[in-house]
Amino acid sequence: MVTGDNVDTAKAIAVQCGIISEKDLDKPSICMEGPAFYELVGGLKSYIKDGKKKEVVGNFEKFKEIQKDLVVLARSRPEDKYLMVTGLKQMGGTVAVTGDGTNDAPALKKADVGFGMNVVGTDVCKEASDILLMTDNFSSIVEAAKRGRNIYDNIQRFLRFQLTVNFVALTVTFIGSCIMK
């Protein structure tokens, strides 16, 4: 959970949502403030490769070490959120971000999937998002994932069926033309 809220508020919300348990609140590696996280992992480094700008975490080894235990990132600035998304993608992960404000736009754009809030979201947030939640309800994300998986499964089944039918038809046609000559 990456939030702009203060540490105490972030911890309370994380406990209410079941992200962390009450006994985990005392562990210092579970919750961290954004600026401290940014400094520890060395920020972002940019370079140009093949004519494209690439961004990586400054100290990637430290990022991987911190990321293992980190659950709540509080007092996060836009650059902290962006760094987190960059690091997770650099690790090979698929990243989804939800946001409602202008400060969320860079992370929404960088993520593999950006979910923007349509009702309370700013225009910048909506523009940066890949998917807008029309009701601002997080359960919509779960429903969308279920439907997306169902569609994907149906497409796979259809393609398997078509390939089987076309292979059989091609084989019968080929054998029939060989026998007729």
N, C-alpha and C. Protein backbone atom coordinates (compact mmCIF):
# COMPACT_ATOMS: atom_id res chain seq x y z
N MET A 1 0.85 -1.16 0.00
CA MET A 1 0.00 0.00 0.00
C MET A 1 0.90 1.22 0.00
N VAL A 2 0.76 2.06 -1.00
CA VAL A 2 1.54 3.29 -1.11
C VAL A 2 0.55 4.46 -1.01
N THR A 3 0.76 5.30 0.00
CA THR A 3 -0.20 6.37 0.26
C THR A 3 0.50 7.64 0.69
N GLY A 4 -0.17 8.74 0.52
CA GLY A 4 0.33 10.03 0.97
C GLY A 4 -0.01 10.31 2.42
N ASP A 5 -0.82 9.45 3.04
CA ASP A 5 -1.21 9.64 4.44
C ASP A 5 -0.01 9.50 5.36
N ASN A 6 -0.17 10.04 6.59
CA ASN A 6 0.92 9.89 7.56
C ASN A 6 1.02 8.43 8.00
N VAL A 7 2.11 8.10 8.67
CA VAL A 7 2.41 6.71 9.02
C VAL A 7 1.33 6.08 9.89
N ASP A 8 0.88 6.79 10.90
CA ASP A 8 -0.12 6.23 11.81
C ASP A 8 -1.44 5.94 11.09
N THR A 9 -1.87 6.87 10.26
CA THR A 9 -3.10 6.67 9.48
C THR A 9 -2.93 5.51 8.52
N ALA A 10 -1.80 5.45 7.86
CA ALA A 10 -1.53 4.37 6.89
C ALA A 10 -1.54 3.01 7.58
N LYS A 11 -0.92 2.93 8.76
CA LYS A 11 -0.91 1.66 9.50
C LYS A 11 -2.33 1.26 9.90
N ALA A 12 -3.11 2.22 10.40
CA ALA A 12 -4.48 1.93 10.83
C ALA A 12 -5.32 1.42 9.65
N ILE A 13 -5.19 2.05 8.51
CA ILE A 13 -5.94 1.62 7.32
C ILE A 13 -5.48 0.24 6.87
N ALA A 14 -4.18 0.00 6.90
CA ALA A 14 -3.62 -1.29 6.50
C ALA A 14 -4.14 -2.41 7.40
N VAL A 15 -4.25 -2.14 8.70
CA VAL A 15 -4.78 -3.15 9.63
C VAL A 15 -6.26 -3.39 9.35
N GLN A 16 -7.04 -2.31 9.15
CA GLN A 16 -8.47 -2.45 8.86
C GLN A 16 -8.72 -3.24 7.58
N CYS A 17 -7.86 -3.04 6.59
CA CYS A 17 -8.02 -3.72 5.30
C CYS A 17 -7.46 -5.14 5.31
N GLY A 18 -6.76 -5.50 6.39
CA GLY A 18 -6.18 -6.84 6.46
C GLY A 18 -4.86 -6.96 5.72
N ILE A 19 -4.24 -5.85 5.38
CA ILE A 19 -2.96 -5.88 4.68
C ILE A 19 -1.85 -6.28 5.64
N ILE A 20 -1.91 -5.78 6.87
CA ILE A 20 -0.97 -6.19 7.91
C ILE A 20 -1.77 -6.51 9.18
N SER A 21 -1.15 -7.25 10.08
CA SER A 21 -1.83 -7.59 11.33
C SER A 21 -1.33 -6.67 12.44
N GLU A 22 -2.04 -6.66 13.54
CA GLU A 22 -1.69 -5.82 14.69
C GLU A 22 -0.27 -6.12 15.18
N LYS A 23 0.12 -7.40 15.18
CA LYS A 23 1.44 -7.77 15.69
C LYS A 23 2.58 -7.30 14.77
N ASP A 24 2.28 -7.04 13.50
CA ASP A 24 3.30 -6.59 12.56
C ASP A 24 3.57 -5.08 12.66
N LEU A 25 2.75 -4.37 13.40
CA LEU A 25 2.89 -2.91 13.48
C LEU A 25 4.22 -2.46 14.07
N ASP A 26 4.82 -3.28 14.94
CA ASP A 26 6.06 -2.90 15.59
C ASP A 26 7.30 -3.14 14.73
N LYS A 27 7.17 -3.92 13.68
CA LYS A 27 8.32 -4.23 12.82
C LYS A 27 8.66 -3.00 11.97
N PRO A 28 9.90 -2.52 12.07
CA PRO A 28 10.26 -1.30 11.32
C PRO A 28 10.34 -1.50 9.81
N SER A 29 10.56 -2.74 9.37
CA SER A 29 10.69 -2.99 7.93
C SER A 29 9.36 -3.09 7.22
N ILE A 30 8.26 -3.18 7.96
CA ILE A 30 6.92 -3.33 7.38
C ILE A 30 6.40 -2.00 6.83
N CYS A 31 6.66 -0.92 7.55
CA CYS A 31 6.15 0.39 7.18
C CYS A 31 7.30 1.40 7.11
N MET A 32 7.29 2.20 6.09
CA MET A 32 8.36 3.17 5.87
C MET A 32 7.77 4.43 5.25
N GLU A 33 8.44 5.54 5.45
CA GLU A 33 8.02 6.78 4.81
C GLU A 33 8.67 6.89 3.44
N GLY A 34 7.94 7.48 2.50
CA GLY A 34 8.39 7.59 1.12
C GLY A 34 9.76 8.23 0.94
N PRO A 35 10.00 9.42 1.51
CA PRO A 35 11.31 10.04 1.31
C PRO A 35 12.48 9.20 1.82
N ALA A 36 12.29 8.50 2.95
CA ALA A 36 13.34 7.63 3.49
C ALA A 36 13.59 6.45 2.53
N PHE A 37 12.50 5.89 2.00
CA PHE A 37 12.61 4.81 1.02
C PHE A 37 13.37 5.28 -0.21
N TYR A 38 13.03 6.44 -0.72
CA TYR A 38 13.67 6.99 -1.91
C TYR A 38 15.17 7.15 -1.70
N GLU A 39 15.53 7.65 -0.54
CA GLU A 39 16.94 7.87 -0.23
C GLU A 39 17.69 6.55 -0.07
N LEU A 40 17.09 5.58 0.60
CA LEU A 40 17.73 4.29 0.83
C LEU A 40 18.03 3.54 -0.46
N VAL A 41 17.11 3.61 -1.41
CA VAL A 41 17.30 2.86 -2.66
C VAL A 41 18.00 3.68 -3.74
N GLY A 42 18.44 4.87 -3.41
CA GLY A 42 19.24 5.65 -4.33
C GLY A 42 18.48 6.36 -5.43
N GLY A 43 17.17 6.49 -5.29
CA GLY A 43 16.39 7.22 -6.29
C GLY A 43 16.38 6.52 -7.64
N LEU A 44 16.12 7.31 -8.67
CA LEU A 44 16.08 6.79 -10.04
C LEU A 44 17.33 7.20 -10.80
N LYS A 45 17.76 6.34 -11.69
CA LYS A 45 18.85 6.66 -12.60
C LYS A 45 18.31 6.49 -14.02
N SER A 46 18.63 7.44 -14.87
CA SER A 46 18.16 7.39 -16.25
C SER A 46 19.35 7.23 -17.19
N TYR A 47 19.12 6.54 -18.28
CA TYR A 47 20.12 6.41 -19.34
C TYR A 47 19.38 6.20 -20.65
N ILE A 48 20.10 6.38 -21.73
CA ILE A 48 19.49 6.21 -23.05
C ILE A 48 20.08 4.97 -23.69
N LYS A 49 19.20 4.08 -24.14
CA LYS A 49 19.61 2.85 -24.80
C LYS A 49 18.74 2.67 -26.04
N ASP A 50 19.37 2.47 -27.16
CA ASP A 50 18.67 2.30 -28.43
C ASP A 50 17.75 3.48 -28.73
N GLY A 51 18.18 4.67 -28.34
CA GLY A 51 17.41 5.88 -28.61
C GLY A 51 16.22 6.09 -27.69
N LYS A 52 16.07 5.22 -26.69
CA LYS A 52 14.96 5.36 -25.76
C LYS A 52 15.49 5.60 -24.36
N LYS A 53 14.76 6.43 -23.62
CA LYS A 53 15.14 6.72 -22.24
C LYS A 53 14.70 5.57 -21.34
N LYS A 54 15.64 5.04 -20.59
CA LYS A 54 15.36 3.95 -19.65
C LYS A 54 15.58 4.48 -18.23
N GLU A 55 14.77 4.00 -17.31
CA GLU A 55 14.90 4.39 -15.91
C GLU A 55 15.05 3.13 -15.06
N VAL A 56 15.98 3.18 -14.12
CA VAL A 56 16.20 2.07 -13.21
C VAL A 56 16.38 2.61 -11.79
N VAL A 57 16.22 1.72 -10.83
CA VAL A 57 16.42 2.08 -9.44
C VAL A 57 17.92 2.26 -9.20
N GLY A 58 18.27 3.33 -8.47
CA GLY A 58 19.67 3.64 -8.21
C GLY A 58 20.43 2.50 -7.57
N ASN A 59 19.92 1.95 -6.49
CA ASN A 59 20.54 0.83 -5.78
C ASN A 59 19.54 -0.33 -5.81
N PHE A 60 19.58 -1.10 -6.89
CA PHE A 60 18.59 -2.13 -7.11
C PHE A 60 18.67 -3.25 -6.06
N GLU A 61 19.89 -3.58 -5.63
CA GLU A 61 20.05 -4.63 -4.61
C GLU A 61 19.37 -4.21 -3.31
N LYS A 62 19.54 -2.95 -2.92
CA LYS A 62 18.90 -2.45 -1.70
C LYS A 62 17.37 -2.44 -1.88
N PHE A 63 16.91 -2.09 -3.08
CA PHE A 63 15.47 -2.10 -3.36
C PHE A 63 14.91 -3.50 -3.15
N LYS A 64 15.58 -4.51 -3.70
CA LYS A 64 15.10 -5.89 -3.56
C LYS A 64 15.08 -6.32 -2.10
N GLU A 65 16.08 -5.89 -1.34
CA GLU A 65 16.15 -6.22 0.08
C GLU A 65 14.99 -5.58 0.86
N ILE A 66 14.74 -4.31 0.61
CA ILE A 66 13.67 -3.59 1.30
C ILE A 66 12.30 -4.11 0.86
N GLN A 67 12.15 -4.37 -0.41
CA GLN A 67 10.87 -4.77 -0.98
C GLN A 67 10.35 -6.08 -0.39
N LYS A 68 11.24 -6.95 0.07
CA LYS A 68 10.83 -8.24 0.63
C LYS A 68 9.88 -8.07 1.82
N ASP A 69 10.17 -7.08 2.68
CA ASP A 69 9.40 -6.90 3.91
C ASP A 69 8.43 -5.73 3.85
N LEU A 70 8.68 -4.76 2.99
CA LEU A 70 7.88 -3.53 2.96
C LEU A 70 6.45 -3.81 2.52
N VAL A 71 5.50 -3.36 3.34
CA VAL A 71 4.09 -3.55 3.02
C VAL A 71 3.38 -2.21 2.88
N VAL A 72 3.77 -1.23 3.70
CA VAL A 72 3.11 0.07 3.69
C VAL A 72 4.16 1.15 3.48
N LEU A 73 3.95 1.97 2.46
CA LEU A 73 4.82 3.11 2.19
C LEU A 73 3.97 4.36 2.41
N ALA A 74 4.24 5.07 3.51
CA ALA A 74 3.43 6.22 3.90
C ALA A 74 4.14 7.52 3.54
N ARG A 75 3.41 8.63 3.59
CA ARG A 75 3.96 9.96 3.29
C ARG A 75 4.66 9.97 1.94
N SER A 76 4.06 9.27 0.99
CA SER A 76 4.68 9.11 -0.33
C SER A 76 4.43 10.31 -1.22
N ARG A 77 5.48 10.74 -1.86
CA ARG A 77 5.41 11.80 -2.86
C ARG A 77 5.24 11.12 -4.23
N PRO A 78 4.91 11.88 -5.26
CA PRO A 78 4.78 11.27 -6.59
C PRO A 78 6.04 10.52 -7.03
N GLU A 79 7.21 11.06 -6.71
CA GLU A 79 8.46 10.39 -7.12
C GLU A 79 8.69 9.09 -6.36
N ASP A 80 8.17 8.98 -5.13
CA ASP A 80 8.29 7.73 -4.37
C ASP A 80 7.42 6.65 -5.01
N LYS A 81 6.21 7.04 -5.40
CA LYS A 81 5.30 6.10 -6.04
C LYS A 81 5.87 5.64 -7.38
N TYR A 82 6.41 6.58 -8.12
CA TYR A 82 6.99 6.27 -9.43
C TYR A 82 8.19 5.34 -9.27
N LEU A 83 9.02 5.59 -8.27
CA LEU A 83 10.18 4.74 -7.99
C LEU A 83 9.74 3.33 -7.64
N MET A 84 8.71 3.21 -6.84
CA MET A 84 8.21 1.88 -6.46
C MET A 84 7.74 1.11 -7.70
N VAL A 85 6.98 1.76 -8.56
CA VAL A 85 6.50 1.10 -9.78
C VAL A 85 7.69 0.71 -10.66
N THR A 86 8.65 1.60 -10.81
CA THR A 86 9.83 1.32 -11.63
C THR A 86 10.59 0.12 -11.10
N GLY A 87 10.80 0.08 -9.78
CA GLY A 87 11.52 -1.03 -9.17
C GLY A 87 10.80 -2.36 -9.32
N LEU A 88 9.50 -2.36 -9.11
CA LEU A 88 8.73 -3.60 -9.24
C LEU A 88 8.75 -4.10 -10.68
N LYS A 89 8.66 -3.18 -11.63
CA LYS A 89 8.74 -3.58 -13.04
C LYS A 89 10.15 -4.08 -13.38
N GLN A 90 11.16 -3.45 -12.80
CA GLN A 90 12.54 -3.86 -13.02
C GLN A 90 12.77 -5.28 -12.49
N MET A 91 12.05 -5.65 -11.44
CA MET A 91 12.14 -7.00 -10.89
C MET A 91 11.39 -8.03 -11.75
N GLY A 92 10.69 -7.55 -12.75
CA GLY A 92 9.95 -8.44 -13.64
C GLY A 92 8.50 -8.61 -13.25
N GLY A 93 8.02 -7.81 -12.32
CA GLY A 93 6.64 -7.92 -11.87
C GLY A 93 5.67 -7.19 -12.78
N THR A 94 4.42 -7.56 -12.67
CA THR A 94 3.35 -6.85 -13.35
C THR A 94 2.73 -5.92 -12.32
N VAL A 95 2.64 -4.64 -12.65
CA VAL A 95 2.25 -3.64 -11.66
C VAL A 95 0.93 -2.99 -12.05
N ALA A 96 0.00 -2.95 -11.08
CA ALA A 96 -1.25 -2.22 -11.23
C ALA A 96 -1.28 -1.13 -10.17
N VAL A 97 -1.72 0.05 -10.55
CA VAL A 97 -1.77 1.20 -9.64
C VAL A 97 -3.17 1.79 -9.69
N THR A 98 -3.68 2.15 -8.52
CA THR A 98 -4.94 2.89 -8.47
C THR A 98 -4.64 4.28 -7.95
N GLY A 99 -5.35 5.26 -8.46
CA GLY A 99 -5.12 6.63 -8.01
C GLY A 99 -6.28 7.53 -8.34
N ASP A 100 -6.28 8.70 -7.69
CA ASP A 100 -7.35 9.65 -7.94
C ASP A 100 -6.86 11.08 -8.12
N GLY A 101 -5.60 11.31 -7.86
CA GLY A 101 -5.11 12.68 -7.91
C GLY A 101 -4.03 12.91 -8.95
N THR A 102 -3.71 14.17 -9.13
CA THR A 102 -2.67 14.56 -10.07
C THR A 102 -1.33 13.96 -9.66
N ASN A 103 -1.11 13.83 -8.35
CA ASN A 103 0.15 13.27 -7.87
C ASN A 103 0.30 11.78 -8.20
N ASP A 104 -0.78 11.10 -8.53
CA ASP A 104 -0.73 9.68 -8.89
C ASP A 104 -0.46 9.46 -10.37
N ALA A 105 -0.56 10.49 -11.18
CA ALA A 105 -0.48 10.35 -12.63
C ALA A 105 0.82 9.70 -13.13
N PRO A 106 2.01 10.12 -12.65
CA PRO A 106 3.23 9.46 -13.15
C PRO A 106 3.25 7.96 -12.89
N ALA A 107 2.85 7.54 -11.69
CA ALA A 107 2.83 6.11 -11.36
C ALA A 107 1.76 5.37 -12.17
N LEU A 108 0.62 6.00 -12.38
CA LEU A 108 -0.45 5.39 -13.19
C LEU A 108 0.04 5.15 -14.61
N LYS A 109 0.74 6.11 -15.16
CA LYS A 109 1.24 6.02 -16.53
C LYS A 109 2.33 4.95 -16.65
N LYS A 110 3.20 4.86 -15.65
CA LYS A 110 4.32 3.92 -15.67
C LYS A 110 3.88 2.48 -15.46
N ALA A 111 2.81 2.28 -14.70
CA ALA A 111 2.34 0.93 -14.36
C ALA A 111 1.86 0.18 -15.60
N ASP A 112 1.84 -1.13 -15.49
CA ASP A 112 1.30 -1.94 -16.58
C ASP A 112 -0.18 -1.65 -16.78
N VAL A 113 -0.89 -1.49 -15.66
CA VAL A 113 -2.31 -1.13 -15.71
C VAL A 113 -2.56 -0.05 -14.67
N GLY A 114 -3.11 1.06 -15.12
CA GLY A 114 -3.45 2.15 -14.20
C GLY A 114 -4.95 2.27 -14.07
N PHE A 115 -5.44 2.16 -12.84
CA PHE A 115 -6.86 2.30 -12.56
C PHE A 115 -7.12 3.67 -11.97
N GLY A 116 -7.88 4.49 -12.66
CA GLY A 116 -8.20 5.83 -12.19
C GLY A 116 -9.63 5.90 -11.69
N MET A 117 -9.84 6.78 -10.73
CA MET A 117 -11.18 6.97 -10.17
C MET A 117 -11.92 8.00 -11.02
N ASN A 118 -13.07 7.62 -11.52
CA ASN A 118 -13.81 8.50 -12.42
C ASN A 118 -14.58 9.59 -11.69
N VAL A 119 -15.13 9.29 -10.52
CA VAL A 119 -15.97 10.25 -9.82
C VAL A 119 -15.12 11.32 -9.13
N VAL A 120 -14.17 10.90 -8.30
CA VAL A 120 -13.37 11.86 -7.54
C VAL A 120 -12.03 12.16 -8.19
N GLY A 121 -11.67 11.44 -9.24
CA GLY A 121 -10.37 11.60 -9.88
C GLY A 121 -10.24 12.91 -10.64
N THR A 122 -9.01 13.43 -10.65
CA THR A 122 -8.74 14.65 -11.42
C THR A 122 -8.64 14.31 -12.90
N ASP A 123 -8.72 15.32 -13.74
CA ASP A 123 -8.62 15.10 -15.18
C ASP A 123 -7.25 14.52 -15.55
N VAL A 124 -6.20 14.96 -14.87
CA VAL A 124 -4.85 14.44 -15.13
C VAL A 124 -4.79 12.96 -14.80
N CYS A 125 -5.38 12.58 -13.69
CA CYS A 125 -5.43 11.18 -13.28
C CYS A 125 -6.20 10.35 -14.30
N LYS A 126 -7.32 10.84 -14.74
CA LYS A 126 -8.14 10.11 -15.70
C LYS A 126 -7.40 9.93 -17.02
N GLU A 127 -6.67 10.95 -17.43
CA GLU A 127 -5.91 10.89 -18.69
C GLU A 127 -4.77 9.87 -18.60
N ALA A 128 -4.14 9.78 -17.44
CA ALA A 128 -3.01 8.88 -17.25
C ALA A 128 -3.44 7.43 -17.06
N SER A 129 -4.69 7.20 -16.71
CA SER A 129 -5.18 5.85 -16.41
C SER A 129 -5.46 5.06 -17.67
N ASP A 130 -5.31 3.74 -17.52
CA ASP A 130 -5.69 2.83 -18.60
C ASP A 130 -7.16 2.45 -18.48
N ILE A 131 -7.62 2.32 -17.23
CA ILE A 131 -8.99 1.92 -16.95
C ILE A 131 -9.58 2.90 -15.93
N LEU A 132 -10.78 3.38 -16.20
CA LEU A 132 -11.47 4.25 -15.24
C LEU A 132 -12.52 3.44 -14.50
N LEU A 133 -12.49 3.54 -13.17
CA LEU A 133 -13.52 2.90 -12.34
C LEU A 133 -14.69 3.87 -12.26
N MET A 134 -15.76 3.56 -12.93
CA MET A 134 -16.88 4.48 -13.06
C MET A 134 -17.54 4.79 -11.72
N THR A 135 -17.53 3.83 -10.78
CA THR A 135 -18.18 4.05 -9.49
C THR A 135 -17.17 4.30 -8.37
N ASP A 136 -15.88 4.33 -8.68
CA ASP A 136 -14.82 4.48 -7.68
C ASP A 136 -14.84 3.37 -6.64
N ASN A 137 -15.33 2.22 -7.01
CA ASN A 137 -15.45 1.08 -6.11
C ASN A 137 -14.36 0.07 -6.45
N PHE A 138 -13.51 -0.25 -5.45
CA PHE A 138 -12.40 -1.17 -5.70
C PHE A 138 -12.86 -2.57 -6.06
N SER A 139 -14.06 -2.95 -5.68
CA SER A 139 -14.55 -4.28 -6.04
C SER A 139 -14.74 -4.39 -7.56
N SER A 140 -14.83 -3.25 -8.23
CA SER A 140 -14.92 -3.25 -9.69
C SER A 140 -13.67 -3.84 -10.32
N ILE A 141 -12.53 -3.65 -9.67
CA ILE A 141 -11.27 -4.18 -10.18
C ILE A 141 -11.32 -5.71 -10.17
N VAL A 142 -11.82 -6.28 -9.08
CA VAL A 142 -11.93 -7.73 -8.96
C VAL A 142 -12.89 -8.26 -10.02
N GLU A 143 -14.01 -7.59 -10.19
CA GLU A 143 -15.00 -8.01 -11.19
C GLU A 143 -14.41 -7.91 -12.60
N ALA A 144 -13.67 -6.84 -12.87
CA ALA A 144 -13.05 -6.69 -14.19
C ALA A 144 -12.02 -7.79 -14.44
N ALA A 145 -11.26 -8.15 -13.42
CA ALA A 145 -10.27 -9.21 -13.57
C ALA A 145 -10.96 -10.54 -13.87
N LYS A 146 -12.05 -10.82 -13.16
CA LYS A 146 -12.80 -12.06 -13.41
C LYS A 146 -13.32 -12.11 -14.83
N ARG A 147 -13.93 -11.02 -15.26
CA ARG A 147 -14.47 -10.99 -16.62
C ARG A 147 -13.37 -11.08 -17.67
N GLY A 148 -12.26 -10.39 -17.42
CA GLY A 148 -11.13 -10.44 -18.35
C GLY A 148 -10.58 -11.85 -18.49
N ARG A 149 -10.44 -12.55 -17.38
CA ARG A 149 -9.96 -13.94 -17.42
C ARG A 149 -10.94 -14.83 -18.15
N ASN A 150 -12.23 -14.60 -17.95
CA ASN A 150 -13.25 -15.39 -18.63
C ASN A 150 -13.17 -15.17 -20.14
N ILE A 151 -13.02 -13.93 -20.55
CA ILE A 151 -12.90 -13.62 -21.98
C ILE A 151 -11.65 -14.27 -22.57
N TYR A 152 -10.55 -14.17 -21.83
CA TYR A 152 -9.28 -14.77 -22.29
C TYR A 152 -9.45 -16.28 -22.45
N ASP A 153 -10.07 -16.94 -21.47
CA ASP A 153 -10.30 -18.39 -21.56
C ASP A 153 -11.17 -18.74 -22.75
N ASN A 154 -12.22 -17.94 -23.00
CA ASN A 154 -13.10 -18.20 -24.14
C ASN A 154 -12.36 -18.04 -25.47
N ILE A 155 -11.50 -17.06 -25.57
CA ILE A 155 -10.71 -16.87 -26.79
C ILE A 155 -9.78 -18.05 -27.01
N GLN A 156 -9.15 -18.53 -25.94
CA GLN A 156 -8.27 -19.70 -26.06
C GLN A 156 -9.04 -20.92 -26.53
N ARG A 157 -10.22 -21.16 -25.95
CA ARG A 157 -11.03 -22.31 -26.36
C ARG A 157 -11.45 -22.20 -27.83
N PHE A 158 -11.84 -21.00 -28.25
CA PHE A 158 -12.25 -20.78 -29.63
C PHE A 158 -11.08 -21.05 -30.59
N LEU A 159 -9.90 -20.55 -30.24
CA LEU A 159 -8.75 -20.76 -31.11
C LEU A 159 -8.36 -22.24 -31.18
N ARG A 160 -8.41 -22.94 -30.06
CA ARG A 160 -8.14 -24.38 -30.07
C ARG A 160 -9.12 -25.12 -30.97
N PHE A 161 -10.38 -24.76 -30.86
CA PHE A 161 -11.42 -25.39 -31.68
C PHE A 161 -11.15 -25.11 -33.16
N GLN A 162 -10.90 -23.86 -33.50
CA GLN A 162 -10.68 -23.48 -34.90
C GLN A 162 -9.44 -24.17 -35.48
N LEU A 163 -8.37 -24.23 -34.69
CA LEU A 163 -7.15 -24.89 -35.17
C LEU A 163 -7.41 -26.38 -35.41
N THR A 164 -8.13 -27.01 -34.53
CA THR A 164 -8.44 -28.43 -34.69
C THR A 164 -9.28 -28.66 -35.94
N VAL A 165 -10.35 -27.91 -36.10
CA VAL A 165 -11.24 -28.05 -37.26
C VAL A 165 -10.47 -27.78 -38.56
N ASN A 166 -9.69 -26.70 -38.57
CA ASN A 166 -8.94 -26.36 -39.79
C ASN A 166 -7.87 -27.39 -40.11
N PHE A 167 -7.22 -27.94 -39.10
CA PHE A 167 -6.21 -28.97 -39.34
C PHE A 167 -6.86 -30.22 -39.94
N VAL A 168 -7.98 -30.64 -39.37
CA VAL A 168 -8.70 -31.82 -39.89
C VAL A 168 -9.17 -31.56 -41.32
N ALA A 169 -9.74 -30.40 -41.58
CA ALA A 169 -10.22 -30.07 -42.93
C ALA A 169 -9.07 -30.05 -43.93
N LEU A 170 -7.96 -29.48 -43.53
CA LEU A 170 -6.78 -29.42 -44.41
C LEU A 170 -6.25 -30.82 -44.69
N THR A 171 -6.21 -31.65 -43.67
CA THR A 171 -5.72 -33.02 -43.83
C THR A 171 -6.63 -33.82 -44.76
N VAL A 172 -7.92 -33.73 -44.55
CA VAL A 172 -8.89 -34.45 -45.39
C VAL A 172 -8.78 -33.95 -46.84
N THR A 173 -8.67 -32.66 -47.03
CA THR A 173 -8.55 -32.10 -48.39
C THR A 173 -7.27 -32.56 -49.07
N PHE A 174 -6.17 -32.56 -48.34
CA PHE A 174 -4.90 -32.99 -48.90
C PHE A 174 -4.92 -34.47 -49.27
N ILE A 175 -5.41 -35.32 -48.37
CA ILE A 175 -5.48 -36.76 -48.64
C ILE A 175 -6.45 -37.02 -49.79
N GLY A 176 -7.57 -36.32 -49.80
CA GLY A 176 -8.54 -36.50 -50.88
C GLY A 176 -7.96 -36.11 -52.23
N SER A 177 -7.19 -35.02 -52.28
CA SER A 177 -6.59 -34.62 -53.57
C SER A 177 -5.50 -35.57 -53.99
N CYS A 178 -4.80 -36.18 -53.07
CA CYS A 178 -3.76 -37.15 -53.42
C CYS A 178 -4.37 -38.44 -53.95
N ILE A 179 -5.47 -38.86 -53.38
CA ILE A 179 -6.13 -40.09 -53.80
C ILE A 179 -6.78 -39.92 -55.16
N MET A 180 -7.35 -38.75 -55.44
CA MET A 180 -8.04 -38.50 -56.69
C MET A 180 -7.10 -38.43 -57.89
N LYS A 181 -5.84 -38.21 -57.72
CA LYS A 181 -4.92 -38.10 -58.86
C LYS A 181 -4.31 -39.38 -59.18
